Amino acid sequence: MAKPKIKPLADRILVKRLDEDEEQQVGGIIIPDTAKEKPQEAEVVAVGPGKMDDGKRVALEVRKGDKILIGQYSGAEVKIEGEEFLIMREEDVLAIVD
């Protein structure tokens, strides 16, 4: 994955969904890509500087490279240099995966 030339603003982060390794099957039937659920695990690609609170910058808890859990429909989908990413607020992150 090439590093995208984009920097999120304020408390926003840029993430890339991690692909699930196995094909989803129900009763031996392969589910087409359009019907598959979106992965809920993602990797943080870039982070904003944090939001301003009473004139002070509040740093984000997530860092570049963190693996996180996100809601299935979280964030705004963007395509950068042919790759799909999500831009979302840090508050939409459910958890950091160790």
Protein backbone atom coordinates (compact mmCIF):
# COMPACT_ATOMS: atom_id res chain seq x y z
CA MET A 1 0.00 0.00 0.00
CA ALA A 2 1.48 3.31 -1.08
CA LYS A 3 1.30 6.20 1.35
CA PRO A 4 -1.52 8.50 0.23
CA LYS A 5 -0.76 12.20 -0.04
CA ILE A 6 -3.57 13.36 2.22
CA LYS A 7 -3.64 14.75 5.76
CA PRO A 8 -6.90 14.60 7.75
CA LEU A 9 -8.00 17.74 9.59
CA ALA A 10 -8.82 18.19 13.30
CA ASP A 11 -9.93 14.90 14.95
CA ARG A 12 -10.37 12.98 11.70
CA ILE A 13 -8.42 9.88 10.72
CA LEU A 14 -7.80 8.12 7.41
CA VAL A 15 -8.20 4.34 7.60
CA LYS A 16 -8.05 1.37 5.24
CA ARG A 17 -10.31 -1.60 5.87
CA LEU A 18 -8.43 -4.87 6.35
CA ASP A 19 -9.56 -7.67 4.04
CA GLU A 20 -10.91 -10.85 5.55
CA ASP A 21 -8.83 -13.81 4.43
CA GLU A 22 -11.57 -16.35 3.94
CA GLU A 23 -14.49 -16.29 1.52
CA GLN A 24 -17.84 -16.11 3.23
CA GLN A 25 -19.99 -19.16 2.58
CA VAL A 26 -23.48 -20.06 3.74
CA GLY A 27 -24.47 -23.69 3.34
CA GLY A 28 -21.82 -24.24 0.66
CA ILE A 29 -22.99 -21.24 -1.41
CA ILE A 30 -20.39 -18.56 -2.10
CA ILE A 31 -21.73 -15.11 -1.34
CA PRO A 32 -20.95 -12.52 -4.06
CA ASP A 33 -18.76 -9.52 -3.16
CA THR A 34 -21.71 -7.13 -3.34
CA ALA A 35 -23.57 -9.04 -0.60
CA LYS A 36 -20.63 -9.55 1.76
CA GLU A 37 -20.42 -7.57 4.97
CA LYS A 38 -17.72 -4.94 5.09
CA PRO A 39 -14.80 -5.79 7.40
CA GLN A 40 -14.97 -4.04 10.74
CA GLU A 41 -11.22 -4.10 11.30
CA ALA A 42 -9.10 -1.34 9.78
CA GLU A 43 -5.61 0.12 9.92
CA VAL A 44 -5.01 3.79 10.64
CA VAL A 45 -3.11 5.31 7.70
CA ALA A 46 -3.01 8.98 8.77
CA VAL A 47 -4.27 11.09 11.67
CA GLY A 48 -5.18 14.74 12.05
CA PRO A 49 -3.53 17.01 14.62
CA GLY A 50 -6.50 16.81 17.02
CA LYS A 51 -9.40 19.14 17.73
CA MET A 52 -9.23 22.47 19.50
CA ASP A 53 -10.77 22.69 22.98
CA ASP A 54 -10.64 26.03 24.83
CA GLY A 55 -7.77 27.17 22.62
CA LYS A 56 -5.67 24.05 23.24
CA ARG A 57 -5.08 21.18 20.83
CA VAL A 58 -6.32 17.81 22.16
CA ALA A 59 -4.17 14.98 20.75
CA LEU A 60 -5.79 11.86 19.33
CA GLU A 61 -5.60 8.49 21.10
CA VAL A 62 -5.18 6.50 17.89
CA ARG A 63 -1.86 6.57 16.05
CA LYS A 64 -0.76 5.78 12.54
CA GLY A 65 -0.39 2.00 12.18
CA ASP A 66 -2.96 1.12 14.89
CA LYS A 67 -5.41 -1.65 14.10
CA ILE A 68 -8.92 -0.55 15.09
CA LEU A 69 -12.52 -1.74 15.10
CA ILE A 70 -15.04 0.46 13.32
CA GLY A 71 -18.77 0.34 12.72
CA GLN A 72 -19.88 -1.29 9.49
CA TYR A 73 -21.17 1.98 8.01
CA SER A 74 -18.76 4.41 9.72
CA GLY A 75 -16.95 7.20 7.91
CA ALA A 76 -17.00 8.59 4.41
CA GLU A 77 -15.59 6.38 1.66
CA VAL A 78 -12.96 8.03 -0.53
CA LYS A 79 -10.85 6.72 -3.40
CA ILE A 80 -7.24 7.94 -3.48
CA GLU A 81 -4.87 6.86 -6.25
CA GLY A 82 -7.10 3.86 -7.02
CA GLU A 83 -7.32 2.61 -3.41
CA GLU A 84 -10.38 2.80 -1.16
CA PHE A 85 -10.10 4.50 2.24
CA LEU A 86 -12.42 5.89 4.90
CA ILE A 87 -12.20 9.30 6.53
CA MET A 88 -13.84 9.31 9.94
CA ARG A 89 -13.79 11.07 13.29
CA GLU A 90 -11.84 9.47 16.11
CA GLU A 91 -15.04 9.27 18.17
CA ASP A 92 -16.39 6.73 15.62
CA VAL A 93 -13.60 4.25 16.49
CA LEU A 94 -15.01 1.44 18.64
CA ALA A 95 -11.70 0.01 19.92
CA ILE A 96 -7.98 -0.37 19.33
CA VAL A 97 -6.97 -3.98 18.65
CA ASP A 98 -3.73 -5.22 20.29
